[in-house]
Amino acid sequence: MLLVIFTACQKRNLKHAEKSLEGSWAVQSIYSAYGQNTNLGIQTNEEFNEDGPLGQFNFDKEMVTYRFTRLDTLYESNSAWNLVREKINAGFTKAEQYTLEMDKFEFICAFGDQTSDAEKQATEVKLMFETKTIGSYYTFELDLRKKE
């Protein structure tokens, strides 16, 4: 019985997060870093911060349309999206992590202030992308704010 209640709560939280993403989001800032990913860890060579109106994301129930500029490169597409919720190890406890899958990107998605239930009515979202292979490394983080 407890497992059924727990599973229902997890599905409800995911539905709240999906509903929260629906709408228009402005890209407020982008952080980018480049370097090398070696067996010893990540060595960052260059970092860039960009602020201002850098683009937007428009989510409906099944599709996302996005257009943003990062380091003079335009990214734009229209694709299906999927939000996945999973438990990850965080020290001695487990924490929730949302992953936004779309087009050629898989972003770690952090809602608002990352407190409990932050995904319910988020007005700010951070999308984080990084390469996970040995060799050239790059990462970027998009800070989004919901348009009214």
N, C-alpha and C. Protein backbone atom coordinates (compact mmCIF):
# COMPACT_ATOMS: atom_id res chain seq x y z
N MET A 1 0.82 -1.20 0.00
CA MET A 1 0.00 0.00 0.00
C MET A 1 0.86 1.26 0.00
N LEU A 2 1.92 1.25 0.82
CA LEU A 2 2.82 2.40 0.89
C LEU A 2 3.49 2.66 -0.44
N LEU A 3 3.88 1.60 -1.16
CA LEU A 3 4.51 1.73 -2.47
C LEU A 3 3.56 2.39 -3.46
N VAL A 4 2.29 2.04 -3.42
CA VAL A 4 1.29 2.62 -4.31
C VAL A 4 1.15 4.12 -4.05
N ILE A 5 1.10 4.52 -2.80
CA ILE A 5 1.01 5.95 -2.45
C ILE A 5 2.26 6.69 -2.90
N PHE A 6 3.44 6.11 -2.65
CA PHE A 6 4.71 6.73 -3.05
C PHE A 6 4.77 6.91 -4.56
N THR A 7 4.40 5.88 -5.33
CA THR A 7 4.42 5.95 -6.78
C THR A 7 3.44 7.00 -7.28
N ALA A 8 2.28 7.09 -6.69
CA ALA A 8 1.29 8.10 -7.08
C ALA A 8 1.82 9.50 -6.84
N CYS A 9 2.52 9.72 -5.72
CA CYS A 9 3.10 11.03 -5.42
C CYS A 9 4.19 11.37 -6.43
N GLN A 10 5.02 10.40 -6.81
CA GLN A 10 6.06 10.65 -7.79
C GLN A 10 5.46 11.06 -9.13
N LYS A 11 4.42 10.35 -9.57
CA LYS A 11 3.78 10.68 -10.84
C LYS A 11 3.13 12.05 -10.78
N ARG A 12 2.53 12.40 -9.63
CA ARG A 12 1.90 13.71 -9.47
C ARG A 12 2.95 14.81 -9.54
N ASN A 13 4.12 14.62 -8.90
CA ASN A 13 5.19 15.61 -8.96
C ASN A 13 5.68 15.80 -10.39
N LEU A 14 5.81 14.72 -11.15
CA LEU A 14 6.24 14.81 -12.54
C LEU A 14 5.21 15.58 -13.35
N LYS A 15 3.93 15.31 -13.13
CA LYS A 15 2.87 16.04 -13.85
C LYS A 15 2.89 17.53 -13.52
N HIS A 16 3.14 17.86 -12.23
CA HIS A 16 3.26 19.27 -11.85
C HIS A 16 4.43 19.93 -12.58
N ALA A 17 5.54 19.23 -12.66
CA ALA A 17 6.73 19.77 -13.33
C ALA A 17 6.47 19.97 -14.82
N GLU A 18 5.83 18.99 -15.46
CA GLU A 18 5.51 19.12 -16.88
C GLU A 18 4.57 20.31 -17.12
N LYS A 19 3.55 20.43 -16.28
CA LYS A 19 2.59 21.54 -16.40
C LYS A 19 3.29 22.89 -16.18
N SER A 20 4.22 22.92 -15.25
CA SER A 20 4.96 24.14 -14.94
C SER A 20 5.81 24.60 -16.13
N LEU A 21 6.34 23.66 -16.89
CA LEU A 21 7.17 24.01 -18.05
C LEU A 21 6.37 24.59 -19.21
N GLU A 22 5.10 24.23 -19.31
CA GLU A 22 4.29 24.70 -20.43
C GLU A 22 4.21 26.22 -20.42
N GLY A 23 4.38 26.80 -21.60
CA GLY A 23 4.33 28.25 -21.75
C GLY A 23 5.60 28.79 -22.39
N SER A 24 5.76 30.10 -22.34
CA SER A 24 6.91 30.77 -22.94
C SER A 24 7.93 31.14 -21.89
N TRP A 25 9.20 30.90 -22.20
CA TRP A 25 10.32 31.17 -21.31
C TRP A 25 11.36 32.01 -22.04
N ALA A 26 11.84 33.06 -21.40
CA ALA A 26 12.90 33.90 -21.96
C ALA A 26 14.25 33.43 -21.43
N VAL A 27 15.23 33.34 -22.31
CA VAL A 27 16.60 33.00 -21.90
C VAL A 27 17.24 34.26 -21.35
N GLN A 28 17.53 34.27 -20.04
CA GLN A 28 18.07 35.45 -19.36
C GLN A 28 19.60 35.50 -19.38
N SER A 29 20.23 34.35 -19.23
CA SER A 29 21.70 34.30 -19.25
C SER A 29 22.15 32.91 -19.65
N ILE A 30 23.40 32.86 -20.16
CA ILE A 30 24.00 31.59 -20.55
C ILE A 30 25.44 31.58 -20.05
N TYR A 31 25.80 30.50 -19.36
CA TYR A 31 27.18 30.28 -18.93
C TYR A 31 27.73 29.13 -19.78
N SER A 32 28.92 29.31 -20.36
CA SER A 32 29.55 28.27 -21.18
C SER A 32 30.98 28.05 -20.70
N ALA A 33 31.43 26.80 -20.75
CA ALA A 33 32.82 26.48 -20.40
C ALA A 33 33.34 25.41 -21.35
N TYR A 34 34.63 25.54 -21.68
CA TYR A 34 35.30 24.61 -22.58
C TYR A 34 36.57 24.12 -21.93
N GLY A 35 36.97 22.89 -22.26
CA GLY A 35 38.20 22.36 -21.72
C GLY A 35 38.41 20.93 -22.14
N GLN A 36 39.04 20.16 -21.26
CA GLN A 36 39.34 18.76 -21.52
C GLN A 36 38.74 17.90 -20.41
N ASN A 37 38.18 16.77 -20.80
CA ASN A 37 37.67 15.79 -19.85
C ASN A 37 38.64 14.61 -19.90
N THR A 38 39.42 14.42 -18.84
CA THR A 38 40.42 13.37 -18.79
C THR A 38 40.05 12.36 -17.71
N ASN A 39 40.85 11.32 -17.59
CA ASN A 39 40.63 10.34 -16.53
C ASN A 39 40.81 10.96 -15.15
N LEU A 40 41.52 12.08 -15.07
CA LEU A 40 41.76 12.77 -13.81
C LEU A 40 40.68 13.79 -13.47
N GLY A 41 39.77 14.01 -14.39
CA GLY A 41 38.69 14.97 -14.15
C GLY A 41 38.63 16.02 -15.25
N ILE A 42 37.84 17.04 -15.01
CA ILE A 42 37.61 18.10 -15.99
C ILE A 42 38.56 19.26 -15.74
N GLN A 43 39.22 19.69 -16.81
CA GLN A 43 40.09 20.86 -16.75
C GLN A 43 39.50 21.93 -17.65
N THR A 44 39.00 23.00 -17.05
CA THR A 44 38.35 24.07 -17.81
C THR A 44 39.39 25.05 -18.32
N ASN A 45 39.34 25.35 -19.62
CA ASN A 45 40.28 26.29 -20.23
C ASN A 45 39.66 27.68 -20.43
N GLU A 46 38.40 27.71 -20.83
CA GLU A 46 37.73 28.99 -21.10
C GLU A 46 36.33 28.99 -20.53
N GLU A 47 35.91 30.16 -20.02
CA GLU A 47 34.56 30.33 -19.50
C GLU A 47 33.97 31.61 -20.06
N PHE A 48 32.69 31.59 -20.35
CA PHE A 48 32.00 32.76 -20.89
C PHE A 48 30.66 32.93 -20.20
N ASN A 49 30.30 34.17 -19.90
CA ASN A 49 28.98 34.51 -19.36
C ASN A 49 28.32 35.49 -20.30
N GLU A 50 27.08 35.21 -20.66
CA GLU A 50 26.32 36.10 -21.52
C GLU A 50 25.01 36.46 -20.83
N ASP A 51 24.63 37.73 -20.90
CA ASP A 51 23.39 38.20 -20.29
C ASP A 51 22.57 38.95 -21.32
N GLY A 52 21.30 39.09 -21.01
CA GLY A 52 20.42 39.88 -21.87
C GLY A 52 19.40 39.01 -22.55
N PRO A 53 18.64 39.57 -23.44
CA PRO A 53 17.66 38.76 -24.17
C PRO A 53 18.38 37.87 -25.18
N LEU A 54 18.50 36.59 -24.87
CA LEU A 54 19.29 35.67 -25.69
C LEU A 54 18.42 34.67 -26.46
N GLY A 55 17.11 34.73 -26.27
CA GLY A 55 16.23 33.82 -26.99
C GLY A 55 15.06 33.38 -26.15
N GLN A 56 14.37 32.34 -26.60
CA GLN A 56 13.23 31.85 -25.84
C GLN A 56 12.91 30.40 -26.18
N PHE A 57 12.17 29.80 -25.26
CA PHE A 57 11.63 28.45 -25.40
C PHE A 57 10.12 28.55 -25.26
N ASN A 58 9.38 27.84 -26.11
CA ASN A 58 7.92 27.78 -26.02
C ASN A 58 7.52 26.31 -25.93
N PHE A 59 7.01 25.92 -24.76
CA PHE A 59 6.59 24.54 -24.53
C PHE A 59 5.07 24.43 -24.62
N ASP A 60 4.58 23.47 -25.39
CA ASP A 60 3.19 23.09 -25.25
C ASP A 60 3.19 21.66 -24.71
N LYS A 61 2.08 20.98 -24.71
CA LYS A 61 2.00 19.66 -24.07
C LYS A 61 2.96 18.64 -24.65
N GLU A 62 3.24 18.72 -25.95
CA GLU A 62 4.07 17.70 -26.59
C GLU A 62 5.28 18.24 -27.32
N MET A 63 5.25 19.47 -27.73
CA MET A 63 6.32 20.04 -28.57
C MET A 63 6.95 21.24 -27.90
N VAL A 64 8.22 21.48 -28.23
CA VAL A 64 8.91 22.68 -27.79
C VAL A 64 9.52 23.34 -29.03
N THR A 65 9.37 24.65 -29.09
CA THR A 65 10.03 25.44 -30.11
C THR A 65 11.03 26.32 -29.38
N TYR A 66 12.28 26.29 -29.83
CA TYR A 66 13.27 27.12 -29.15
C TYR A 66 14.15 27.82 -30.17
N ARG A 67 14.65 28.95 -29.72
CA ARG A 67 15.58 29.76 -30.51
C ARG A 67 16.41 30.55 -29.51
N PHE A 68 17.71 30.29 -29.48
CA PHE A 68 18.60 31.05 -28.61
C PHE A 68 19.98 31.14 -29.24
N THR A 69 20.73 32.16 -28.84
CA THR A 69 22.07 32.39 -29.35
C THR A 69 23.07 32.19 -28.22
N ARG A 70 24.05 31.32 -28.46
CA ARG A 70 25.10 31.07 -27.49
C ARG A 70 26.43 31.24 -28.19
N LEU A 71 27.22 32.20 -27.73
CA LEU A 71 28.54 32.47 -28.32
C LEU A 71 28.45 32.60 -29.84
N ASP A 72 27.55 33.46 -30.28
CA ASP A 72 27.34 33.76 -31.70
C ASP A 72 26.87 32.58 -32.54
N THR A 73 26.39 31.52 -31.91
CA THR A 73 25.83 30.38 -32.64
C THR A 73 24.33 30.34 -32.35
N LEU A 74 23.54 30.28 -33.40
CA LEU A 74 22.09 30.23 -33.26
C LEU A 74 21.65 28.78 -33.17
N TYR A 75 20.86 28.48 -32.16
CA TYR A 75 20.24 27.17 -32.00
C TYR A 75 18.75 27.38 -32.13
N GLU A 76 18.13 26.67 -33.06
CA GLU A 76 16.68 26.77 -33.16
C GLU A 76 16.12 25.48 -33.73
N SER A 77 14.98 25.10 -33.20
CA SER A 77 14.34 23.87 -33.64
C SER A 77 12.94 23.79 -33.06
N ASN A 78 12.22 22.82 -33.55
CA ASN A 78 10.90 22.48 -33.06
C ASN A 78 10.92 20.97 -32.89
N SER A 79 10.72 20.48 -31.67
CA SER A 79 10.82 19.04 -31.45
C SER A 79 9.91 18.60 -30.32
N ALA A 80 9.73 17.30 -30.22
CA ALA A 80 9.02 16.72 -29.08
C ALA A 80 9.91 16.85 -27.85
N TRP A 81 9.30 16.87 -26.66
CA TRP A 81 10.07 16.93 -25.43
C TRP A 81 9.52 15.94 -24.43
N ASN A 82 10.39 15.52 -23.53
CA ASN A 82 10.02 14.57 -22.50
C ASN A 82 10.76 14.95 -21.23
N LEU A 83 10.05 14.94 -20.12
CA LEU A 83 10.65 15.24 -18.82
C LEU A 83 10.70 13.95 -18.02
N VAL A 84 11.89 13.62 -17.51
CA VAL A 84 12.09 12.39 -16.74
C VAL A 84 12.49 12.78 -15.32
N ARG A 85 11.90 12.10 -14.35
CA ARG A 85 12.21 12.35 -12.94
C ARG A 85 12.85 11.10 -12.38
N GLU A 86 14.00 11.28 -11.70
CA GLU A 86 14.68 10.14 -11.11
C GLU A 86 15.30 10.52 -9.78
N LYS A 87 15.58 9.51 -8.99
CA LYS A 87 16.27 9.70 -7.71
C LYS A 87 17.76 9.46 -7.94
N ILE A 88 18.59 10.37 -7.43
CA ILE A 88 20.04 10.22 -7.56
C ILE A 88 20.67 10.28 -6.17
N ASN A 89 21.85 9.71 -6.03
CA ASN A 89 22.57 9.77 -4.77
C ASN A 89 23.08 11.18 -4.53
N ALA A 90 22.84 11.70 -3.34
CA ALA A 90 23.30 13.03 -2.93
C ALA A 90 23.86 12.90 -1.52
N GLY A 91 25.11 12.49 -1.43
CA GLY A 91 25.68 12.26 -0.11
C GLY A 91 25.07 11.01 0.49
N PHE A 92 24.51 11.15 1.69
CA PHE A 92 23.91 10.02 2.38
C PHE A 92 22.42 9.87 2.09
N THR A 93 21.88 10.72 1.23
CA THR A 93 20.45 10.67 0.93
C THR A 93 20.24 10.56 -0.58
N LYS A 94 19.00 10.51 -0.97
CA LYS A 94 18.61 10.52 -2.38
C LYS A 94 17.95 11.86 -2.67
N ALA A 95 18.20 12.39 -3.85
CA ALA A 95 17.60 13.65 -4.27
C ALA A 95 16.89 13.44 -5.60
N GLU A 96 15.90 14.28 -5.87
CA GLU A 96 15.20 14.23 -7.15
C GLU A 96 16.00 14.98 -8.20
N GLN A 97 16.00 14.44 -9.41
CA GLN A 97 16.61 15.14 -10.53
C GLN A 97 15.69 15.00 -11.73
N TYR A 98 15.45 16.11 -12.41
CA TYR A 98 14.66 16.11 -13.62
C TYR A 98 15.60 16.24 -14.81
N THR A 99 15.31 15.48 -15.85
CA THR A 99 16.07 15.56 -17.09
C THR A 99 15.09 15.89 -18.21
N LEU A 100 15.41 16.93 -18.96
CA LEU A 100 14.59 17.36 -20.09
C LEU A 100 15.24 16.83 -21.37
N GLU A 101 14.53 15.93 -22.04
CA GLU A 101 15.02 15.35 -23.28
C GLU A 101 14.29 16.01 -24.44
N MET A 102 15.08 16.53 -25.39
CA MET A 102 14.50 17.18 -26.56
C MET A 102 15.53 17.25 -27.66
N ASP A 103 15.09 17.08 -28.89
CA ASP A 103 15.92 17.24 -30.06
C ASP A 103 17.28 16.57 -29.83
N LYS A 104 18.36 17.30 -29.94
CA LYS A 104 19.70 16.74 -29.76
C LYS A 104 20.27 17.03 -28.37
N PHE A 105 19.46 17.54 -27.46
CA PHE A 105 19.92 17.90 -26.13
C PHE A 105 19.28 17.03 -25.06
N GLU A 106 20.02 16.82 -24.00
CA GLU A 106 19.50 16.22 -22.78
C GLU A 106 19.97 17.12 -21.64
N PHE A 107 19.06 17.93 -21.13
CA PHE A 107 19.38 18.91 -20.09
C PHE A 107 19.01 18.39 -18.71
N ILE A 108 19.85 18.65 -17.73
CA ILE A 108 19.44 18.52 -16.35
C ILE A 108 18.62 19.77 -16.07
N CYS A 109 17.46 19.61 -15.49
CA CYS A 109 16.51 20.70 -15.32
C CYS A 109 16.31 20.97 -13.83
N ALA A 110 16.65 22.18 -13.39
CA ALA A 110 16.47 22.58 -11.99
C ALA A 110 15.41 23.66 -11.92
N PHE A 111 14.35 23.41 -11.14
CA PHE A 111 13.24 24.35 -11.02
C PHE A 111 13.47 25.33 -9.88
N GLY A 112 13.28 26.61 -10.15
CA GLY A 112 13.28 27.65 -9.12
C GLY A 112 14.41 27.54 -8.13
N ASP A 113 14.06 27.60 -6.86
CA ASP A 113 15.06 27.60 -5.79
C ASP A 113 15.44 26.19 -5.34
N GLN A 114 14.97 25.18 -6.05
CA GLN A 114 15.26 23.76 -5.80
C GLN A 114 14.83 23.28 -4.42
N THR A 115 13.88 23.97 -3.81
CA THR A 115 13.32 23.49 -2.55
C THR A 115 12.24 22.46 -2.87
N SER A 116 11.71 21.85 -1.85
CA SER A 116 10.65 20.87 -2.04
C SER A 116 9.47 21.52 -2.76
N ASP A 117 8.97 20.87 -3.76
CA ASP A 117 7.82 21.33 -4.57
C ASP A 117 8.12 22.57 -5.41
N ALA A 118 9.38 22.89 -5.67
CA ALA A 118 9.73 24.06 -6.48
C ALA A 118 9.21 23.92 -7.91
N GLU A 119 9.01 22.67 -8.35
CA GLU A 119 8.57 22.44 -9.72
C GLU A 119 7.09 22.75 -9.94
N LYS A 120 6.32 22.93 -8.85
CA LYS A 120 4.86 23.09 -9.00
C LYS A 120 4.47 24.33 -9.80
N GLN A 121 5.03 25.47 -9.46
CA GLN A 121 4.68 26.71 -10.17
C GLN A 121 5.94 27.52 -10.41
N ALA A 122 6.93 26.90 -10.99
CA ALA A 122 8.22 27.55 -11.20
C ALA A 122 8.11 28.72 -12.17
N THR A 123 8.78 29.79 -11.84
CA THR A 123 8.91 30.93 -12.75
C THR A 123 10.34 31.07 -13.24
N GLU A 124 11.24 30.27 -12.69
CA GLU A 124 12.64 30.23 -13.13
C GLU A 124 13.08 28.78 -13.25
N VAL A 125 13.85 28.52 -14.31
CA VAL A 125 14.37 27.18 -14.57
C VAL A 125 15.81 27.31 -15.06
N LYS A 126 16.66 26.40 -14.60
CA LYS A 126 18.04 26.32 -15.10
C LYS A 126 18.16 25.02 -15.88
N LEU A 127 18.62 25.11 -17.14
CA LEU A 127 18.86 23.95 -17.97
C LEU A 127 20.37 23.78 -18.12
N MET A 128 20.90 22.60 -17.76
CA MET A 128 22.34 22.36 -17.78
C MET A 128 22.67 21.22 -18.73
N PHE A 129 23.62 21.46 -19.63
CA PHE A 129 24.05 20.47 -20.60
C PHE A 129 25.56 20.32 -20.51
N GLU A 130 26.05 19.07 -20.60
CA GLU A 130 27.49 18.87 -20.68
C GLU A 130 27.80 17.59 -21.43
N THR A 131 28.97 17.59 -22.06
CA THR A 131 29.43 16.37 -22.72
C THR A 131 29.89 15.40 -21.65
N LYS A 132 29.76 14.13 -21.91
CA LYS A 132 30.09 13.13 -20.90
C LYS A 132 31.16 12.15 -21.38
N THR A 133 31.91 12.49 -22.41
CA THR A 133 32.93 11.60 -22.93
C THR A 133 34.32 12.13 -22.63
N ILE A 134 35.31 11.24 -22.68
CA ILE A 134 36.70 11.63 -22.50
C ILE A 134 37.15 12.39 -23.76
N GLY A 135 37.87 13.48 -23.57
CA GLY A 135 38.35 14.30 -24.69
C GLY A 135 37.88 15.73 -24.52
N SER A 136 37.52 16.35 -25.62
CA SER A 136 37.05 17.73 -25.56
C SER A 136 35.80 17.80 -24.70
N TYR A 137 35.74 18.85 -23.89
CA TYR A 137 34.64 19.02 -22.93
C TYR A 137 34.00 20.37 -23.15
N TYR A 138 32.69 20.40 -23.13
CA TYR A 138 32.00 21.68 -23.04
C TYR A 138 30.72 21.51 -22.26
N THR A 139 30.34 22.60 -21.65
CA THR A 139 29.10 22.64 -20.88
C THR A 139 28.45 24.00 -21.08
N PHE A 140 27.15 24.04 -20.97
CA PHE A 140 26.48 25.34 -20.90
C PHE A 140 25.24 25.23 -20.05
N GLU A 141 24.92 26.36 -19.42
CA GLU A 141 23.76 26.47 -18.54
C GLU A 141 22.91 27.64 -19.00
N LEU A 142 21.64 27.38 -19.19
CA LEU A 142 20.69 28.41 -19.60
C LEU A 142 19.81 28.76 -18.41
N ASP A 143 19.72 30.04 -18.08
CA ASP A 143 18.79 30.50 -17.06
C ASP A 143 17.56 31.05 -17.76
N LEU A 144 16.40 30.41 -17.48
CA LEU A 144 15.16 30.80 -18.12
C LEU A 144 14.22 31.44 -17.10
N ARG A 145 13.45 32.42 -17.56
CA ARG A 145 12.43 33.03 -16.73
C ARG A 145 11.12 32.99 -17.50
N LYS A 146 10.07 32.57 -16.83
CA LYS A 146 8.75 32.43 -17.48
C LYS A 146 8.19 33.78 -17.84
N LYS A 147 7.67 33.87 -19.08
CA LYS A 147 7.02 35.10 -19.53
C LYS A 147 5.58 35.08 -19.06
N GLU A 148 5.07 36.25 -18.75
CA GLU A 148 3.68 36.34 -18.26
C GLU A 148 2.73 36.61 -19.38
